[in-house]
Amino acid sequence: MNAREPVTVAFTGASGAQYGLRLLECLIAAERTVYVTLTRTAHIVLASEADCAVPARAADATRFLAARCRAQPGQLRVFGEEEWTSPLASGSGAPRTMVVAPCSMATLSAIACGASANLTERAADVVLKEQGRLVLVPRETPLSAIHLENMLKLARMGVVILPASPGFYHRPAGVAEVVDFVVARILDQIGVTQSMLPRWGCDPG
């Protein structure tokens, strides 16, 4: 991934808001520019799971998340769910890298069939058609045959399906380290250097 190119991070209504918030923090710390989209249900999940009441208006949400993540001016920008004039809606302006974390099965299904009913779905559709890097982080269990078929369809298109399934070989001391396990794998997939997770078989010292 080009270090100067923005990354799109999308939040949906699946459980696991902490994954997306931690990913934002890591990308900001890595000096990446981040474009953010949130579905309506994502606002509910963020408030209930992370005590993170993101304002509804995009401009207010931008200020709120930028302050939370300690972003530099212009480093983080939130786009409204129906902001079709945003760069995310067109192949001429959208970043080539996008992560949906957490990714609901409704959003995953919509991306698989090219629905593009909101900006999150359209942004993913653009990344697909421009042959960019799309990472979906589903958090659902158990999985139905429909879920699995949609994931297989997307995987065959080159989409990275990265379930929020943390390992425990690093012996996490708390929830934060469990979250970091998944976020570290996301960062690896999009080419952002991280030192949050010891490499298997490598001496941590």
N, C-alpha and C. Protein backbone atom coordinates (compact mmCIF):
# COMPACT_ATOMS: atom_id res chain seq x y z
N MET A 1 0.83 -1.19 0.00
CA MET A 1 0.00 0.00 0.00
C MET A 1 0.86 1.24 0.00
N ASN A 2 0.51 2.21 -0.81
CA ASN A 2 1.20 3.49 -0.84
C ASN A 2 0.95 4.21 0.47
N ALA A 3 2.05 4.55 1.20
CA ALA A 3 1.91 5.17 2.51
C ALA A 3 1.23 6.52 2.45
N ARG A 4 1.22 7.15 1.29
CA ARG A 4 0.59 8.46 1.16
C ARG A 4 -0.89 8.38 0.81
N GLU A 5 -1.34 7.21 0.42
CA GLU A 5 -2.73 7.06 0.00
C GLU A 5 -3.64 6.86 1.19
N PRO A 6 -4.80 7.52 1.20
CA PRO A 6 -5.73 7.33 2.32
C PRO A 6 -6.23 5.90 2.39
N VAL A 7 -6.70 5.54 3.57
CA VAL A 7 -7.33 4.25 3.83
C VAL A 7 -8.78 4.53 4.23
N THR A 8 -9.71 3.76 3.69
CA THR A 8 -11.10 3.86 4.11
C THR A 8 -11.38 2.85 5.20
N VAL A 9 -11.98 3.31 6.29
CA VAL A 9 -12.41 2.42 7.37
C VAL A 9 -13.92 2.58 7.53
N ALA A 10 -14.65 1.48 7.42
CA ALA A 10 -16.10 1.52 7.54
C ALA A 10 -16.54 0.76 8.78
N PHE A 11 -17.48 1.36 9.50
CA PHE A 11 -18.11 0.72 10.65
C PHE A 11 -19.53 0.32 10.27
N THR A 12 -19.93 -0.90 10.62
CA THR A 12 -21.31 -1.33 10.38
C THR A 12 -21.92 -1.77 11.71
N GLY A 13 -23.12 -2.35 11.65
CA GLY A 13 -23.85 -2.68 12.85
C GLY A 13 -23.50 -3.98 13.52
N ALA A 14 -22.47 -4.67 13.06
CA ALA A 14 -22.05 -5.90 13.74
C ALA A 14 -21.42 -5.56 15.08
N SER A 15 -21.47 -6.52 16.00
CA SER A 15 -20.76 -6.35 17.27
C SER A 15 -19.25 -6.32 16.99
N GLY A 16 -18.52 -5.59 17.82
CA GLY A 16 -17.07 -5.50 17.63
C GLY A 16 -16.60 -4.11 17.28
N ALA A 17 -17.30 -3.09 17.78
CA ALA A 17 -16.92 -1.70 17.50
C ALA A 17 -15.49 -1.41 17.92
N GLN A 18 -15.02 -2.11 18.95
CA GLN A 18 -13.67 -1.86 19.45
C GLN A 18 -12.60 -2.14 18.39
N TYR A 19 -12.87 -3.09 17.51
CA TYR A 19 -11.90 -3.39 16.45
C TYR A 19 -11.71 -2.19 15.53
N GLY A 20 -12.81 -1.60 15.11
CA GLY A 20 -12.72 -0.45 14.21
C GLY A 20 -12.09 0.75 14.88
N LEU A 21 -12.44 1.00 16.14
CA LEU A 21 -11.87 2.14 16.86
C LEU A 21 -10.37 1.97 17.05
N ARG A 22 -9.94 0.79 17.41
CA ARG A 22 -8.51 0.55 17.60
C ARG A 22 -7.77 0.65 16.27
N LEU A 23 -8.39 0.18 15.20
CA LEU A 23 -7.77 0.30 13.88
C LEU A 23 -7.58 1.77 13.52
N LEU A 24 -8.58 2.60 13.80
CA LEU A 24 -8.45 4.04 13.54
C LEU A 24 -7.25 4.60 14.29
N GLU A 25 -7.15 4.27 15.58
CA GLU A 25 -6.04 4.79 16.39
C GLU A 25 -4.69 4.39 15.79
N CYS A 26 -4.59 3.14 15.36
CA CYS A 26 -3.31 2.65 14.81
C CYS A 26 -2.97 3.33 13.49
N LEU A 27 -3.96 3.52 12.64
CA LEU A 27 -3.70 4.18 11.35
C LEU A 27 -3.31 5.64 11.55
N ILE A 28 -3.97 6.30 12.48
CA ILE A 28 -3.61 7.69 12.77
C ILE A 28 -2.20 7.76 13.32
N ALA A 29 -1.86 6.85 14.24
CA ALA A 29 -0.51 6.82 14.81
C ALA A 29 0.54 6.52 13.75
N ALA A 30 0.14 5.76 12.71
CA ALA A 30 1.07 5.43 11.61
C ALA A 30 1.11 6.54 10.56
N GLU A 31 0.45 7.66 10.85
CA GLU A 31 0.45 8.84 9.99
C GLU A 31 -0.23 8.60 8.65
N ARG A 32 -1.25 7.74 8.66
CA ARG A 32 -2.06 7.54 7.47
C ARG A 32 -3.26 8.49 7.51
N THR A 33 -3.70 8.92 6.34
CA THR A 33 -4.95 9.66 6.23
C THR A 33 -6.08 8.64 6.17
N VAL A 34 -7.15 8.91 6.91
CA VAL A 34 -8.23 7.93 7.00
C VAL A 34 -9.56 8.58 6.64
N TYR A 35 -10.30 7.91 5.75
CA TYR A 35 -11.68 8.27 5.44
C TYR A 35 -12.59 7.28 6.17
N VAL A 36 -13.63 7.78 6.79
CA VAL A 36 -14.49 6.94 7.63
C VAL A 36 -15.93 7.01 7.16
N THR A 37 -16.59 5.85 7.15
CA THR A 37 -18.04 5.80 6.93
C THR A 37 -18.65 4.99 8.06
N LEU A 38 -19.88 5.35 8.42
CA LEU A 38 -20.60 4.63 9.46
C LEU A 38 -22.04 4.42 9.01
N THR A 39 -22.52 3.19 9.12
CA THR A 39 -23.93 2.96 8.84
C THR A 39 -24.74 3.45 10.04
N ARG A 40 -26.04 3.54 9.87
CA ARG A 40 -26.89 4.01 10.98
C ARG A 40 -26.78 3.09 12.19
N THR A 41 -26.77 1.78 11.93
CA THR A 41 -26.68 0.85 13.05
C THR A 41 -25.29 0.87 13.70
N ALA A 42 -24.29 1.29 12.97
CA ALA A 42 -22.94 1.40 13.55
C ALA A 42 -22.94 2.43 14.68
N HIS A 43 -23.68 3.51 14.53
CA HIS A 43 -23.76 4.52 15.59
C HIS A 43 -24.31 3.90 16.88
N ILE A 44 -25.30 3.03 16.74
CA ILE A 44 -25.91 2.39 17.90
C ILE A 44 -24.92 1.45 18.58
N VAL A 45 -24.21 0.66 17.78
CA VAL A 45 -23.26 -0.30 18.34
C VAL A 45 -22.10 0.42 19.02
N LEU A 46 -21.59 1.47 18.40
CA LEU A 46 -20.48 2.22 18.99
C LEU A 46 -20.87 2.79 20.35
N ALA A 47 -22.08 3.30 20.44
CA ALA A 47 -22.53 3.87 21.71
C ALA A 47 -22.73 2.81 22.77
N SER A 48 -23.29 1.66 22.38
CA SER A 48 -23.61 0.63 23.37
C SER A 48 -22.40 -0.21 23.78
N GLU A 49 -21.47 -0.44 22.86
CA GLU A 49 -20.33 -1.31 23.17
C GLU A 49 -19.10 -0.55 23.65
N ALA A 50 -18.94 0.68 23.19
CA ALA A 50 -17.69 1.40 23.48
C ALA A 50 -17.92 2.76 24.12
N ASP A 51 -19.18 3.04 24.52
CA ASP A 51 -19.50 4.36 25.08
C ASP A 51 -18.99 5.48 24.17
N CYS A 52 -19.13 5.26 22.89
CA CYS A 52 -18.61 6.19 21.88
C CYS A 52 -19.80 6.73 21.08
N ALA A 53 -20.35 7.85 21.53
CA ALA A 53 -21.53 8.43 20.89
C ALA A 53 -21.10 9.34 19.75
N VAL A 54 -20.89 8.76 18.58
CA VAL A 54 -20.45 9.53 17.42
C VAL A 54 -21.62 10.38 16.90
N PRO A 55 -21.43 11.67 16.74
CA PRO A 55 -22.51 12.54 16.25
C PRO A 55 -23.00 12.10 14.88
N ALA A 56 -24.24 12.41 14.58
CA ALA A 56 -24.85 11.99 13.31
C ALA A 56 -24.31 12.79 12.14
N ARG A 57 -24.11 14.10 12.31
CA ARG A 57 -23.61 14.93 11.22
C ARG A 57 -22.15 14.61 10.94
N ALA A 58 -21.81 14.52 9.64
CA ALA A 58 -20.46 14.11 9.26
C ALA A 58 -19.40 15.06 9.79
N ALA A 59 -19.66 16.35 9.72
CA ALA A 59 -18.66 17.32 10.18
C ALA A 59 -18.43 17.19 11.68
N ASP A 60 -19.51 17.00 12.44
CA ASP A 60 -19.37 16.82 13.88
C ASP A 60 -18.68 15.50 14.20
N ALA A 61 -19.01 14.46 13.44
CA ALA A 61 -18.38 13.15 13.64
C ALA A 61 -16.89 13.22 13.35
N THR A 62 -16.52 13.99 12.33
CA THR A 62 -15.10 14.16 12.01
C THR A 62 -14.36 14.78 13.18
N ARG A 63 -14.90 15.84 13.74
CA ARG A 63 -14.24 16.50 14.89
C ARG A 63 -14.17 15.56 16.09
N PHE A 64 -15.24 14.82 16.32
CA PHE A 64 -15.29 13.91 17.47
C PHE A 64 -14.24 12.81 17.36
N LEU A 65 -14.20 12.11 16.22
CA LEU A 65 -13.25 11.00 16.06
C LEU A 65 -11.82 11.48 15.93
N ALA A 66 -11.63 12.64 15.30
CA ALA A 66 -10.28 13.20 15.18
C ALA A 66 -9.72 13.51 16.57
N ALA A 67 -10.56 14.06 17.44
CA ALA A 67 -10.12 14.37 18.80
C ALA A 67 -9.84 13.08 19.57
N ARG A 68 -10.70 12.10 19.41
CA ARG A 68 -10.54 10.82 20.12
C ARG A 68 -9.25 10.12 19.71
N CYS A 69 -8.93 10.17 18.42
CA CYS A 69 -7.75 9.46 17.90
C CYS A 69 -6.51 10.34 17.83
N ARG A 70 -6.65 11.59 18.27
CA ARG A 70 -5.53 12.55 18.25
C ARG A 70 -4.97 12.72 16.84
N ALA A 71 -5.88 12.88 15.91
CA ALA A 71 -5.47 13.06 14.51
C ALA A 71 -5.01 14.49 14.26
N GLN A 72 -4.13 14.63 13.31
CA GLN A 72 -3.71 15.95 12.86
C GLN A 72 -4.82 16.57 12.00
N PRO A 73 -4.82 17.89 11.86
CA PRO A 73 -5.85 18.52 11.03
C PRO A 73 -5.87 17.92 9.62
N GLY A 74 -7.05 17.48 9.18
CA GLY A 74 -7.21 16.92 7.84
C GLY A 74 -6.83 15.46 7.72
N GLN A 75 -6.36 14.85 8.80
CA GLN A 75 -5.90 13.45 8.72
C GLN A 75 -7.05 12.46 8.75
N LEU A 76 -8.16 12.84 9.36
CA LEU A 76 -9.32 11.95 9.46
C LEU A 76 -10.56 12.71 9.00
N ARG A 77 -11.35 12.07 8.16
CA ARG A 77 -12.58 12.70 7.68
C ARG A 77 -13.70 11.68 7.60
N VAL A 78 -14.85 12.04 8.15
CA VAL A 78 -16.02 11.18 8.12
C VAL A 78 -16.95 11.65 7.00
N PHE A 79 -17.48 10.68 6.26
CA PHE A 79 -18.45 10.98 5.20
C PHE A 79 -19.80 10.39 5.56
N GLY A 80 -20.86 11.13 5.26
CA GLY A 80 -22.20 10.67 5.56
C GLY A 80 -22.60 9.46 4.74
N GLU A 81 -23.56 8.72 5.27
CA GLU A 81 -23.97 7.46 4.65
C GLU A 81 -24.53 7.66 3.24
N GLU A 82 -25.05 8.84 2.95
CA GLU A 82 -25.59 9.11 1.61
C GLU A 82 -24.86 10.28 0.95
N GLU A 83 -23.59 10.45 1.29
CA GLU A 83 -22.79 11.54 0.72
C GLU A 83 -22.17 11.07 -0.60
N TRP A 84 -22.99 11.06 -1.61
CA TRP A 84 -22.59 10.49 -2.90
C TRP A 84 -21.56 11.33 -3.64
N THR A 85 -21.34 12.56 -3.20
CA THR A 85 -20.33 13.41 -3.82
C THR A 85 -18.95 13.21 -3.19
N SER A 86 -18.83 12.31 -2.23
CA SER A 86 -17.54 12.07 -1.58
C SER A 86 -16.61 11.32 -2.53
N PRO A 87 -15.29 11.41 -2.31
CA PRO A 87 -14.36 10.67 -3.17
C PRO A 87 -14.54 9.16 -3.12
N LEU A 88 -15.14 8.67 -2.04
CA LEU A 88 -15.33 7.22 -1.90
C LEU A 88 -16.28 6.64 -2.93
N ALA A 89 -17.11 7.50 -3.52
CA ALA A 89 -18.15 7.02 -4.43
C ALA A 89 -17.69 6.85 -5.86
N SER A 90 -16.44 7.21 -6.16
CA SER A 90 -15.98 7.14 -7.55
C SER A 90 -14.58 6.55 -7.63
N GLY A 91 -14.36 5.78 -8.66
CA GLY A 91 -13.05 5.19 -8.88
C GLY A 91 -11.96 6.21 -9.13
N SER A 92 -12.32 7.43 -9.51
CA SER A 92 -11.32 8.45 -9.77
C SER A 92 -10.79 9.09 -8.49
N GLY A 93 -11.50 8.87 -7.35
CA GLY A 93 -11.07 9.53 -6.13
C GLY A 93 -10.95 8.64 -4.92
N ALA A 94 -11.50 7.44 -4.98
CA ALA A 94 -11.53 6.58 -3.79
C ALA A 94 -10.17 5.96 -3.50
N PRO A 95 -9.84 5.77 -2.23
CA PRO A 95 -8.63 5.03 -1.87
C PRO A 95 -8.70 3.60 -2.42
N ARG A 96 -7.56 3.01 -2.67
CA ARG A 96 -7.52 1.64 -3.17
C ARG A 96 -7.50 0.61 -2.05
N THR A 97 -7.53 1.08 -0.80
CA THR A 97 -7.53 0.19 0.35
C THR A 97 -8.70 0.53 1.25
N MET A 98 -9.45 -0.51 1.65
CA MET A 98 -10.62 -0.31 2.51
C MET A 98 -10.76 -1.47 3.47
N VAL A 99 -11.10 -1.14 4.71
CA VAL A 99 -11.37 -2.16 5.74
C VAL A 99 -12.76 -1.91 6.30
N VAL A 100 -13.57 -2.95 6.37
CA VAL A 100 -14.88 -2.87 7.02
C VAL A 100 -14.76 -3.63 8.33
N ALA A 101 -14.73 -2.89 9.45
CA ALA A 101 -14.50 -3.51 10.76
C ALA A 101 -15.30 -2.78 11.84
N PRO A 102 -16.26 -3.44 12.40
CA PRO A 102 -16.73 -4.79 12.10
C PRO A 102 -17.63 -4.79 10.87
N CYS A 103 -17.75 -5.95 10.24
CA CYS A 103 -18.57 -6.09 9.03
C CYS A 103 -19.79 -6.96 9.33
N SER A 104 -20.96 -6.37 9.25
CA SER A 104 -22.19 -7.14 9.47
C SER A 104 -22.43 -8.07 8.29
N MET A 105 -23.22 -9.09 8.51
CA MET A 105 -23.56 -10.01 7.43
C MET A 105 -24.45 -9.33 6.40
N ALA A 106 -25.22 -8.33 6.81
CA ALA A 106 -26.03 -7.57 5.85
C ALA A 106 -25.14 -6.79 4.89
N THR A 107 -24.10 -6.15 5.44
CA THR A 107 -23.18 -5.40 4.58
C THR A 107 -22.38 -6.34 3.70
N LEU A 108 -21.93 -7.46 4.27
CA LEU A 108 -21.18 -8.44 3.48
C LEU A 108 -22.02 -8.95 2.32
N SER A 109 -23.28 -9.23 2.57
CA SER A 109 -24.19 -9.70 1.53
C SER A 109 -24.37 -8.65 0.44
N ALA A 110 -24.56 -7.39 0.87
CA ALA A 110 -24.76 -6.31 -0.10
C ALA A 110 -23.53 -6.12 -0.98
N ILE A 111 -22.35 -6.21 -0.37
CA ILE A 111 -21.11 -6.08 -1.16
C ILE A 111 -21.00 -7.23 -2.15
N ALA A 112 -21.37 -8.43 -1.71
CA ALA A 112 -21.25 -9.61 -2.57
C ALA A 112 -22.13 -9.51 -3.81
N CYS A 113 -23.27 -8.81 -3.67
CA CYS A 113 -24.17 -8.71 -4.82
C CYS A 113 -24.14 -7.34 -5.48
N GLY A 114 -23.25 -6.45 -5.01
CA GLY A 114 -23.10 -5.14 -5.64
C GLY A 114 -24.27 -4.21 -5.42
N ALA A 115 -24.89 -4.27 -4.24
CA ALA A 115 -26.10 -3.47 -3.99
C ALA A 115 -25.84 -1.97 -3.99
N SER A 116 -24.80 -1.53 -3.31
CA SER A 116 -24.42 -0.10 -3.25
C SER A 116 -25.57 0.79 -2.81
N ALA A 117 -26.28 0.38 -1.75
CA ALA A 117 -27.43 1.15 -1.27
C ALA A 117 -27.02 2.29 -0.35
N ASN A 118 -25.79 2.26 0.17
CA ASN A 118 -25.28 3.37 0.98
C ASN A 118 -23.81 3.57 0.63
N LEU A 119 -23.18 4.57 1.24
CA LEU A 119 -21.81 4.91 0.85
C LEU A 119 -20.82 3.81 1.21
N THR A 120 -21.05 3.11 2.32
CA THR A 120 -20.16 2.00 2.70
C THR A 120 -20.15 0.93 1.61
N GLU A 121 -21.34 0.55 1.18
CA GLU A 121 -21.44 -0.48 0.14
C GLU A 121 -20.86 0.00 -1.18
N ARG A 122 -21.13 1.25 -1.53
CA ARG A 122 -20.60 1.81 -2.77
C ARG A 122 -19.08 1.90 -2.73
N ALA A 123 -18.53 2.33 -1.58
CA ALA A 123 -17.08 2.43 -1.47
C ALA A 123 -16.43 1.07 -1.67
N ALA A 124 -17.03 0.02 -1.08
CA ALA A 124 -16.49 -1.33 -1.26
C ALA A 124 -16.60 -1.76 -2.72
N ASP A 125 -17.70 -1.42 -3.36
CA ASP A 125 -17.90 -1.75 -4.76
C ASP A 125 -16.84 -1.09 -5.63
N VAL A 126 -16.50 0.15 -5.29
CA VAL A 126 -15.46 0.87 -6.04
C VAL A 126 -14.11 0.20 -5.87
N VAL A 127 -13.77 -0.18 -4.65
CA VAL A 127 -12.48 -0.85 -4.41
C VAL A 127 -12.41 -2.15 -5.21
N LEU A 128 -13.51 -2.88 -5.25
CA LEU A 128 -13.54 -4.12 -6.02
C LEU A 128 -13.33 -3.87 -7.51
N LYS A 129 -14.07 -2.90 -8.06
CA LYS A 129 -13.97 -2.68 -9.50
C LYS A 129 -12.63 -2.10 -9.92
N GLU A 130 -11.99 -1.39 -8.97
CA GLU A 130 -10.67 -0.83 -9.26
C GLU A 130 -9.54 -1.79 -8.88
N GLN A 131 -9.93 -3.00 -8.47
CA GLN A 131 -8.98 -4.06 -8.11
C GLN A 131 -8.03 -3.63 -7.00
N GLY A 132 -8.63 -2.99 -5.98
CA GLY A 132 -7.86 -2.59 -4.82
C GLY A 132 -7.87 -3.66 -3.74
N ARG A 133 -7.54 -3.26 -2.52
CA ARG A 133 -7.45 -4.18 -1.38
C ARG A 133 -8.65 -3.95 -0.47
N LEU A 134 -9.52 -4.95 -0.38
CA LEU A 134 -10.70 -4.86 0.46
C LEU A 134 -10.62 -5.94 1.54
N VAL A 135 -10.69 -5.51 2.81
CA VAL A 135 -10.62 -6.43 3.94
C VAL A 135 -11.92 -6.33 4.72
N LEU A 136 -12.60 -7.45 4.88
CA LEU A 136 -13.85 -7.49 5.64
C LEU A 136 -13.61 -8.26 6.94
N VAL A 137 -14.07 -7.70 8.04
CA VAL A 137 -13.86 -8.30 9.36
C VAL A 137 -15.22 -8.67 9.96
N PRO A 138 -15.77 -9.83 9.55
CA PRO A 138 -17.07 -10.25 10.07
C PRO A 138 -16.97 -10.71 11.52
N ARG A 139 -18.03 -10.45 12.27
CA ARG A 139 -18.10 -10.89 13.66
C ARG A 139 -19.49 -11.50 13.85
N GLU A 140 -19.59 -12.78 13.56
CA GLU A 140 -20.86 -13.48 13.62
C GLU A 140 -20.60 -14.94 13.93
N THR A 141 -21.48 -15.55 14.71
CA THR A 141 -21.38 -16.98 14.98
C THR A 141 -22.71 -17.50 15.50
N PRO A 142 -23.15 -18.68 15.08
CA PRO A 142 -22.56 -19.51 14.02
C PRO A 142 -22.83 -18.90 12.66
N LEU A 143 -22.19 -19.45 11.65
CA LEU A 143 -22.35 -18.97 10.28
C LEU A 143 -23.32 -19.87 9.52
N SER A 144 -24.25 -19.25 8.82
CA SER A 144 -25.19 -20.01 7.99
C SER A 144 -24.56 -20.31 6.64
N ALA A 145 -25.22 -21.15 5.87
CA ALA A 145 -24.75 -21.46 4.52
C ALA A 145 -24.74 -20.20 3.66
N ILE A 146 -25.71 -19.31 3.88
CA ILE A 146 -25.75 -18.05 3.12
C ILE A 146 -24.51 -17.22 3.43
N HIS A 147 -24.18 -17.09 4.70
CA HIS A 147 -22.97 -16.34 5.08
C HIS A 147 -21.74 -16.92 4.41
N LEU A 148 -21.60 -18.22 4.49
CA LEU A 148 -20.41 -18.88 3.94
C LEU A 148 -20.34 -18.74 2.43
N GLU A 149 -21.48 -18.86 1.76
CA GLU A 149 -21.50 -18.70 0.30
C GLU A 149 -21.11 -17.29 -0.10
N ASN A 150 -21.60 -16.29 0.63
CA ASN A 150 -21.24 -14.91 0.33
C ASN A 150 -19.75 -14.66 0.55
N MET A 151 -19.21 -15.22 1.63
CA MET A 151 -17.77 -15.07 1.89
C MET A 151 -16.94 -15.73 0.81
N LEU A 152 -17.35 -16.94 0.40
CA LEU A 152 -16.61 -17.63 -0.65
C LEU A 152 -16.65 -16.85 -1.96
N LYS A 153 -17.81 -16.30 -2.28
CA LYS A 153 -17.95 -15.50 -3.49
C LYS A 153 -16.98 -14.32 -3.48
N LEU A 154 -16.91 -13.62 -2.34
CA LEU A 154 -16.03 -12.46 -2.22
C LEU A 154 -14.56 -12.88 -2.20
N ALA A 155 -14.25 -13.97 -1.51
CA ALA A 155 -12.86 -14.44 -1.47
C ALA A 155 -12.36 -14.76 -2.87
N ARG A 156 -13.23 -15.32 -3.70
CA ARG A 156 -12.84 -15.63 -5.08
C ARG A 156 -12.61 -14.37 -5.91
N MET A 157 -13.13 -13.24 -5.45
CA MET A 157 -12.90 -11.96 -6.12
C MET A 157 -11.62 -11.29 -5.62
N GLY A 158 -10.98 -11.91 -4.62
CA GLY A 158 -9.76 -11.34 -4.07
C GLY A 158 -9.95 -10.57 -2.78
N VAL A 159 -11.16 -10.58 -2.24
CA VAL A 159 -11.42 -9.91 -0.97
C VAL A 159 -10.82 -10.72 0.17
N VAL A 160 -10.22 -10.04 1.15
CA VAL A 160 -9.69 -10.70 2.33
C VAL A 160 -10.81 -10.82 3.36
N ILE A 161 -11.16 -12.05 3.70
CA ILE A 161 -12.14 -12.29 4.75
C ILE A 161 -11.36 -12.60 6.02
N LEU A 162 -11.40 -11.65 6.96
CA LEU A 162 -10.58 -11.74 8.16
C LEU A 162 -11.51 -11.73 9.38
N PRO A 163 -12.04 -12.91 9.76
CA PRO A 163 -12.98 -12.95 10.89
C PRO A 163 -12.34 -12.44 12.18
N ALA A 164 -13.14 -11.83 13.01
CA ALA A 164 -12.66 -11.36 14.31
C ALA A 164 -12.52 -12.56 15.23
N SER A 165 -11.50 -13.38 14.95
CA SER A 165 -11.26 -14.63 15.70
C SER A 165 -9.86 -14.57 16.30
N PRO A 166 -9.73 -13.95 17.46
CA PRO A 166 -8.38 -13.79 18.04
C PRO A 166 -7.79 -15.11 18.50
N GLY A 167 -6.48 -15.20 18.39
CA GLY A 167 -5.76 -16.33 18.96
C GLY A 167 -5.39 -16.01 20.41
N PHE A 168 -4.88 -17.02 21.09
CA PHE A 168 -4.52 -16.82 22.49
C PHE A 168 -3.11 -17.31 22.81
N TYR A 169 -2.34 -17.62 21.75
CA TYR A 169 -0.99 -18.10 22.01
C TYR A 169 -0.09 -17.01 22.57
N HIS A 170 -0.49 -15.74 22.40
CA HIS A 170 0.30 -14.65 22.96
C HIS A 170 -0.10 -14.34 24.41
N ARG A 171 -1.03 -15.13 24.95
CA ARG A 171 -1.48 -15.02 26.34
C ARG A 171 -1.92 -13.60 26.68
N PRO A 172 -3.01 -13.15 26.08
CA PRO A 172 -3.48 -11.78 26.33
C PRO A 172 -3.84 -11.58 27.80
N ALA A 173 -3.47 -10.39 28.30
CA ALA A 173 -3.73 -10.07 29.70
C ALA A 173 -5.09 -9.43 29.90
N GLY A 174 -5.75 -9.06 28.81
CA GLY A 174 -7.04 -8.42 28.93
C GLY A 174 -7.70 -8.25 27.57
N VAL A 175 -8.87 -7.61 27.58
CA VAL A 175 -9.63 -7.44 26.35
C VAL A 175 -8.85 -6.63 25.32
N ALA A 176 -8.13 -5.61 25.76
CA ALA A 176 -7.39 -4.76 24.82
C ALA A 176 -6.40 -5.56 23.99
N GLU A 177 -5.74 -6.54 24.61
CA GLU A 177 -4.77 -7.35 23.87
C GLU A 177 -5.46 -8.34 22.94
N VAL A 178 -6.68 -8.76 23.29
CA VAL A 178 -7.46 -9.60 22.38
C VAL A 178 -7.84 -8.80 21.14
N VAL A 179 -8.27 -7.56 21.35
CA VAL A 179 -8.61 -6.67 20.22
C VAL A 179 -7.38 -6.42 19.37
N ASP A 180 -6.25 -6.17 20.02
CA ASP A 180 -5.02 -5.88 19.28
C ASP A 180 -4.60 -7.05 18.39
N PHE A 181 -4.88 -8.27 18.81
CA PHE A 181 -4.53 -9.43 17.99
C PHE A 181 -5.18 -9.32 16.61
N VAL A 182 -6.48 -9.02 16.59
CA VAL A 182 -7.21 -8.93 15.32
C VAL A 182 -6.76 -7.71 14.54
N VAL A 183 -6.60 -6.58 15.22
CA VAL A 183 -6.20 -5.35 14.53
C VAL A 183 -4.80 -5.50 13.92
N ALA A 184 -3.92 -6.19 14.62
CA ALA A 184 -2.59 -6.43 14.07
C ALA A 184 -2.65 -7.21 12.77
N ARG A 185 -3.54 -8.20 12.71
CA ARG A 185 -3.69 -8.97 11.47
C ARG A 185 -4.25 -8.11 10.35
N ILE A 186 -5.15 -7.20 10.69
CA ILE A 186 -5.69 -6.29 9.67
C ILE A 186 -4.57 -5.41 9.12
N LEU A 187 -3.77 -4.85 10.01
CA LEU A 187 -2.67 -3.98 9.58
C LEU A 187 -1.69 -4.74 8.69
N ASP A 188 -1.42 -5.99 9.03
CA ASP A 188 -0.54 -6.81 8.19
C ASP A 188 -1.12 -6.94 6.78
N GLN A 189 -2.41 -7.12 6.68
CA GLN A 189 -3.05 -7.34 5.39
C GLN A 189 -3.04 -6.10 4.51
N ILE A 190 -3.00 -4.92 5.12
CA ILE A 190 -3.01 -3.69 4.30
C ILE A 190 -1.63 -3.03 4.24
N GLY A 191 -0.62 -3.74 4.75
CA GLY A 191 0.75 -3.27 4.58
C GLY A 191 1.17 -2.14 5.50
N VAL A 192 0.56 -2.07 6.67
CA VAL A 192 0.95 -1.06 7.66
C VAL A 192 1.78 -1.74 8.75
N THR A 193 2.98 -1.25 8.97
CA THR A 193 3.88 -1.84 9.94
C THR A 193 3.29 -1.77 11.35
N GLN A 194 3.38 -2.89 12.07
CA GLN A 194 2.87 -2.93 13.44
C GLN A 194 3.78 -3.82 14.29
N SER A 195 3.81 -3.50 15.59
CA SER A 195 4.60 -4.30 16.52
C SER A 195 3.73 -4.73 17.70
N MET A 196 2.42 -4.78 17.48
CA MET A 196 1.48 -5.12 18.54
C MET A 196 1.46 -6.60 18.86
N LEU A 197 1.81 -7.43 17.88
CA LEU A 197 1.65 -8.87 18.02
C LEU A 197 2.96 -9.57 17.73
N PRO A 198 3.46 -10.38 18.66
CA PRO A 198 4.70 -11.14 18.39
C PRO A 198 4.48 -12.10 17.22
N ARG A 199 5.48 -12.20 16.35
CA ARG A 199 5.40 -13.13 15.23
C ARG A 199 5.61 -14.55 15.72
N TRP A 200 4.81 -15.47 15.22
CA TRP A 200 4.93 -16.87 15.63
C TRP A 200 6.31 -17.41 15.27
N GLY A 201 6.96 -18.01 16.26
CA GLY A 201 8.27 -18.60 16.04
C GLY A 201 9.42 -17.63 16.15
N CYS A 202 9.10 -16.34 16.40
CA CYS A 202 10.16 -15.35 16.54
C CYS A 202 10.39 -15.03 17.99
N ASP A 203 11.63 -14.75 18.33
CA ASP A 203 11.99 -14.42 19.71
C ASP A 203 11.46 -13.01 20.00
N PRO A 204 10.53 -12.85 20.95
CA PRO A 204 9.99 -11.53 21.24
C PRO A 204 11.03 -10.56 21.78
N GLY A 205 12.14 -11.07 22.25
CA GLY A 205 13.20 -10.19 22.75
C GLY A 205 14.12 -9.72 21.64
